[in-house]
Protein backbone atom coordinates (compact mmCIF):
# COMPACT_ATOMS: atom_id res chain seq x y z
CA UNK A 1 81.23 -17.02 -51.86
CA UNK A 2 78.94 -15.67 -54.20
CA UNK A 3 75.65 -18.11 -54.59
CA UNK A 4 73.27 -18.05 -56.64
CA UNK A 5 69.42 -18.46 -55.80
CA UNK A 6 69.70 -21.92 -56.90
CA UNK A 7 72.62 -23.24 -55.24
CA UNK A 8 71.53 -21.68 -51.82
CA UNK A 9 68.27 -23.06 -52.13
CA UNK A 10 69.66 -26.45 -52.96
CA UNK A 11 72.36 -25.89 -50.43
CA UNK A 12 69.08 -25.48 -47.67
CA UNK A 13 67.51 -28.31 -49.40
CA UNK A 14 70.59 -30.59 -48.41
CA UNK A 15 71.25 -29.25 -45.49
CA UNK A 16 67.63 -30.11 -43.79
CA UNK A 17 68.24 -33.60 -45.61
CA UNK A 18 71.72 -34.22 -43.65
CA UNK A 19 69.33 -32.63 -40.10
CA UNK A 20 66.62 -35.01 -40.64
CA UNK A 21 68.40 -38.04 -41.97
CA UNK A 22 72.15 -37.84 -41.38
CA UNK A 23 75.17 -36.92 -42.84
CA UNK A 24 75.66 -36.32 -45.95
CA UNK A 25 72.58 -35.08 -46.65
CA UNK A 26 72.06 -37.70 -49.69
CA UNK A 27 69.33 -36.68 -52.44
CA UNK A 28 69.01 -37.79 -55.68
CA UNK A 29 68.51 -35.15 -58.81
CA UNK A 30 65.52 -35.69 -59.36
CA UNK A 31 63.86 -35.83 -56.17
CA UNK A 32 65.83 -32.50 -55.48
CA UNK A 33 64.31 -31.40 -59.04
CA UNK A 34 60.82 -31.57 -57.92
CA UNK A 35 61.15 -30.78 -54.16
CA UNK A 36 62.35 -26.79 -55.76
CA UNK A 37 60.77 -27.37 -58.15
CA UNK A 38 63.52 -26.70 -60.92
CA UNK A 39 64.38 -28.82 -64.05
CA UNK A 40 67.07 -31.38 -64.14
CA UNK A 41 69.52 -30.08 -65.59
CA UNK A 42 68.94 -26.74 -63.88
CA UNK A 43 69.44 -29.04 -60.94
CA UNK A 44 72.80 -30.37 -62.54
CA UNK A 45 73.87 -27.14 -63.00
CA UNK A 46 73.71 -25.93 -59.76
CA UNK A 47 75.12 -29.35 -58.22
CA UNK A 48 78.57 -28.75 -60.80
CA UNK A 49 78.91 -25.17 -59.48
CA UNK A 50 78.68 -26.34 -55.79
CA UNK A 51 81.14 -28.96 -56.62
CA UNK A 52 83.60 -26.32 -57.51
CA UNK A 53 82.61 -24.81 -54.80
CA UNK A 54 83.84 -27.89 -52.83
CA UNK A 55 80.28 -27.67 -50.85
CA UNK A 56 78.72 -30.45 -51.92
CA UNK A 57 79.84 -33.64 -53.32
CA UNK A 58 78.27 -36.32 -56.48
CA UNK A 59 78.44 -39.32 -57.48
CA UNK A 60 80.02 -38.56 -60.47
CA UNK A 61 77.54 -40.43 -63.25
CA UNK A 62 75.87 -38.44 -65.06
CA UNK A 63 75.33 -36.39 -61.32
CA UNK A 64 72.79 -39.17 -60.14
CA UNK A 65 72.89 -37.55 -56.92
CA UNK A 66 74.23 -35.10 -54.72
CA UNK A 67 75.17 -34.11 -50.61
CA UNK A 68 76.65 -31.87 -48.64
CA UNK A 69 80.30 -31.87 -48.04
CA UNK A 70 81.28 -31.49 -43.77
CA UNK A 71 82.47 -27.40 -45.47
CA UNK A 72 79.03 -27.04 -47.38
CA UNK A 73 77.04 -28.57 -44.38
CA UNK A 74 78.57 -25.62 -42.22
CA UNK A 75 78.67 -22.65 -44.82
CA UNK A 76 75.28 -23.66 -45.36
CA UNK A 77 74.41 -23.22 -41.39
CA UNK A 78 76.87 -20.56 -40.55
CA UNK A 79 74.67 -18.32 -43.28
């Protein structure tokens, strides 16, 4: 599966959150944007793309937050 750098960075961040706080690695988009030093619209675009690929899920209300699906976690950790 082809992923761009923003998508890979987002998956890694969510997987680290999964490991630290437990599944599903839930983070608000504003926190993701701050940690990745990206704009909120750029983060939302990456979340939407990964959602379409089945690797993350979101609250679907203006993409307020994102979290990994089990498949997304496995994909990220197996590289």
